[in-house]
C-alpha atoms as a PDB file:
ATOM      1  CA  MET A   1     110.261 227.366  29.909  1.00  0.00           C
ATOM      2  CA  LEU A   2     108.346 228.499  26.623  1.00  0.00           C
ATOM      3  CA  GLU A   3     111.391 230.369  26.070  1.00  0.00           C
ATOM      4  CA  LEU A   4     114.256 227.789  26.099  1.00  0.00           C
ATOM      5  CA  GLN A   5     111.678 226.026  24.198  1.00  0.00           C
ATOM      6  CA  SER A   6     111.431 227.921  21.742  1.00  0.00           C
ATOM      7  CA  LYS A   7     115.274 228.504  21.648  1.00  0.00           C
ATOM      8  CA  LEU A   8     114.859 224.373  21.226  1.00  0.00           C
ATOM      9  CA  VAL A   9     112.923 224.805  18.357  1.00  0.00           C
ATOM     10  CA  GLU A  10     115.179 227.877  16.446  1.00  0.00           C
ATOM     11  CA  LYS A  11     118.931 225.666  17.110  1.00  0.00           C
ATOM     12  CA  THR A  12     116.940 222.027  16.201  1.00  0.00           C
ATOM     13  CA  ASN A  13     115.603 224.487  12.432  1.00  0.00           C
ATOM     14  CA  GLN A  14     118.581 226.033  11.416  1.00  0.00           C
ATOM     15  CA  SER A  15     120.471 222.730  12.026  1.00  0.00           C
ATOM     16  CA  ASP A  16     118.659 220.934  10.466  1.00  0.00           C
ATOM     17  CA  GLU A  17     118.483 224.291   7.293  1.00  0.00           C
ATOM     18  CA  THR A  18     122.591 223.507   8.036  1.00  0.00           C
ATOM     19  CA  GLU A  19     122.222 219.618   7.549  1.00  0.00           C
ATOM     20  CA  ALA A  20     120.769 219.814   4.176  1.00  0.00           C
ATOM     21  CA  LYS A  21     122.967 222.961   2.804  1.00  0.00           C
ATOM     22  CA  LEU A  22     125.971 219.748   4.097  1.00  0.00           C
ATOM     23  CA  LYS A  23     124.348 217.500   1.921  1.00  0.00           C
ATOM     24  CA  ALA A  24     123.851 219.384  -1.314  1.00  0.00           C
ATOM     25  CA  ALA A  25     127.409 220.296  -0.758  1.00  0.00           C
ATOM     26  CA  VAL A  26     128.476 217.087  -0.439  1.00  0.00           C
ATOM     27  CA  LYS A  27     126.390 216.358  -3.829  1.00  0.00           C
ATOM     28  CA  GLU A  28     127.494 218.976  -5.700  1.00  0.00           C
ATOM     29  CA  VAL A  29     131.787 217.253  -5.160  1.00  0.00           C
ATOM     30  CA  ALA A  30     130.534 214.399  -5.261  1.00  0.00           C
ATOM     31  CA  MET A  31     129.344 215.824  -9.329  1.00  0.00           C
ATOM     32  CA  LEU A  32     131.872 217.932  -9.046  1.00  0.00           C
ATOM     33  CA  SER A  33     134.455 214.693  -9.154  1.00  0.00           C
ATOM     34  CA  LYS A  34     133.162 213.029 -11.667  1.00  0.00           C
ATOM     35  CA  GLY A  35     133.026 214.885 -13.287  1.00  0.00           C
ATOM     36  CA  LEU A  36     136.940 215.787 -13.143  1.00  0.00           C
ATOM     37  CA  GLU A  37     137.593 212.076 -13.656  1.00  0.00           C
ATOM     38  CA  ASP A  38     135.854 211.979 -16.535  1.00  0.00           C
ATOM     39  CA  SER A  39     137.274 214.393 -18.228  1.00  0.00           C
ATOM     40  CA  GLN A  40     140.757 212.765 -17.261  1.00  0.00           C
ATOM     41  CA  LYS A  41     139.728 210.035 -18.657  1.00  0.00           C
ATOM     42  CA  LEU A  42     138.889 212.256 -22.286  1.00  0.00           C
ATOM     43  CA  LEU A  43     142.139 213.482 -21.952  1.00  0.00           C
ATOM     44  CA  ASP A  44     143.914 210.134 -20.941  1.00  0.00           C
ATOM     45  CA  GLU A  45     142.753 208.295 -24.376  1.00  0.00           C
ATOM     46  CA  SER A  46     143.289 211.137 -26.528  1.00  0.00           C
ATOM     47  CA  GLN A  47     146.838 210.548 -25.609  1.00  0.00           C
ATOM     48  CA  LYS A  48     147.442 208.005 -26.780  1.00  0.00           C
ATOM     49  CA  ASN A  49     145.594 208.514 -29.979  1.00  0.00           C
END
């Protein structure tokens, strides 16, 4: 029984770590998307002039 609890705690910790990594990746994708959008706007503006 104790071994099962230990494995459950370990899996929970792994899940928490995976969730944190996923959140960080989603945040990075959002930042990159914003940067790409800003670059596209600058490109569009430069082509108008």
